[in-house]
Amino acid sequence: MQTISAEQLKARLDAGETLNLIDVRADIEHAEFNIGGTLYPLPVIQSMAIEPLEHLKNEEVICYCRSGQRSTMACLMLEHMGFTNTNNLVGGMLEWKEKFVK
């Protein structure tokens, strides 16, 4: 697992790069605020029901949550399931909002 900062991620998004963003928060958190990631809550990953993500096994996947804790767990679990390039957004949406939402 690698990490990516909010600044690095924003720069890549601003440059128009197509990224595989996975939001591992709960539905309500995603509905309140998100940065365009696909909602795939941590409990779903924990249940190993990852068929919709299988095509991303050899691509970069960036996981995020509220603070970076759940997304760290998600990255580690995905790696255990054969994903080869996982990234965790350091500080999660709290960090993102602090830096970019006024």
Protein backbone atom coordinates (compact mmCIF):
# COMPACT_ATOMS: atom_id res chain seq x y z
CA MET A 1 0.00 0.00 0.00
CA GLN A 2 1.15 3.45 -0.87
CA THR A 3 -0.19 6.77 0.33
CA ILE A 4 -1.27 9.89 -1.49
CA SER A 5 -1.78 13.34 0.02
CA ALA A 6 -4.83 15.50 -0.55
CA GLU A 7 -2.65 17.95 -2.51
CA GLN A 8 -1.28 15.21 -4.77
CA LEU A 9 -4.73 13.81 -5.43
CA LYS A 10 -6.25 17.22 -6.14
CA ALA A 11 -3.45 18.04 -8.58
CA ARG A 12 -4.10 14.82 -10.47
CA LEU A 13 -7.86 15.42 -10.53
CA ASP A 14 -7.36 19.04 -11.64
CA ALA A 15 -5.11 17.78 -14.46
CA GLY A 16 -8.02 15.67 -15.70
CA GLU A 17 -6.40 12.34 -14.93
CA THR A 18 -8.82 9.41 -14.88
CA LEU A 19 -8.49 7.78 -11.46
CA ASN A 20 -10.03 4.76 -9.77
CA LEU A 21 -11.36 6.37 -6.58
CA ILE A 22 -13.05 4.10 -4.05
CA ASP A 23 -15.04 5.73 -1.23
CA VAL A 24 -15.19 3.20 1.62
CA ARG A 25 -17.42 5.33 3.88
CA ALA A 26 -21.07 4.70 4.69
CA ASP A 27 -23.80 5.72 2.24
CA ILE A 28 -24.83 8.74 4.32
CA GLU A 29 -21.26 10.05 4.51
CA HIS A 30 -20.90 9.71 0.75
CA ALA A 31 -24.21 11.50 0.17
CA GLU A 32 -23.16 14.43 2.39
CA PHE A 33 -19.86 15.07 0.59
CA ASN A 34 -17.74 13.20 -1.91
CA ILE A 35 -15.02 13.82 -4.48
CA GLY A 36 -16.42 11.59 -7.19
CA GLY A 37 -15.32 8.19 -5.95
CA THR A 38 -17.32 5.03 -6.39
CA LEU A 39 -19.10 4.16 -3.15
CA TYR A 40 -17.91 0.76 -1.92
CA PRO A 41 -18.29 0.71 1.88
CA LEU A 42 -15.67 -1.07 3.97
CA PRO A 43 -18.12 -3.75 5.23
CA VAL A 44 -18.69 -4.80 1.60
CA ILE A 45 -14.94 -5.15 1.06
CA GLN A 46 -14.68 -7.04 4.36
CA SER A 47 -17.31 -9.50 3.09
CA MET A 48 -14.98 -10.13 0.13
CA ALA A 49 -17.77 -9.23 -2.32
CA ILE A 50 -15.37 -7.49 -4.69
CA GLU A 51 -16.56 -8.76 -8.08
CA PRO A 52 -17.41 -5.23 -9.32
CA LEU A 53 -13.79 -4.20 -8.59
CA GLU A 54 -12.04 -7.27 -10.06
CA HIS A 55 -11.15 -5.43 -13.28
CA LEU A 56 -9.05 -3.00 -11.20
CA LYS A 57 -6.74 -5.64 -9.67
CA ASN A 58 -3.72 -4.51 -11.71
CA GLU A 59 -4.59 -0.81 -11.87
CA GLU A 60 -4.01 1.96 -9.37
CA VAL A 61 -6.85 2.15 -6.85
CA ILE A 62 -7.12 5.12 -4.47
CA CYS A 63 -9.22 4.47 -1.37
CA TYR A 64 -10.54 7.18 0.91
CA CYS A 65 -12.77 7.56 3.95
CA ARG A 66 -13.41 10.22 6.59
CA SER A 67 -9.98 10.19 8.26
CA GLY A 68 -7.86 7.56 6.54
CA GLN A 69 -8.41 4.71 9.00
CA ARG A 70 -11.05 2.70 7.13
CA SER A 71 -9.34 3.32 3.81
CA THR A 72 -6.06 1.96 5.23
CA MET A 73 -7.92 -1.21 6.19
CA ALA A 74 -9.56 -1.36 2.75
CA CYS A 75 -6.19 -1.04 0.98
CA LEU A 76 -4.68 -3.81 3.07
CA MET A 77 -7.67 -6.09 2.47
CA LEU A 78 -7.64 -5.41 -1.27
CA GLU A 79 -3.93 -6.21 -1.39
CA HIS A 80 -4.63 -9.47 0.42
CA MET A 81 -7.20 -10.22 -2.31
CA GLY A 82 -4.63 -9.67 -5.06
CA PHE A 83 -4.81 -5.96 -5.84
CA THR A 84 -1.33 -4.80 -6.83
CA ASN A 85 -1.44 -0.99 -6.63
CA THR A 86 -3.49 0.42 -3.75
CA ASN A 87 -3.18 3.97 -2.43
CA ASN A 88 -4.63 5.43 0.74
CA LEU A 89 -5.65 9.10 0.87
CA VAL A 90 -3.86 10.39 3.97
CA GLY A 91 -6.25 12.24 6.28
CA GLY A 92 -9.29 11.32 4.20
CA MET A 93 -12.15 13.74 3.66
CA LEU A 94 -11.32 15.63 6.84
CA GLU A 95 -7.96 16.62 5.35
CA TRP A 96 -9.55 17.30 1.95
CA LYS A 97 -12.18 19.62 3.43
CA GLU A 98 -9.61 21.41 5.59
CA LYS A 99 -7.45 22.17 2.56
CA PHE A 100 -9.96 22.73 -0.24
CA VAL A 101 -13.48 23.41 1.07
CA LYS A 102 -14.03 26.92 2.36
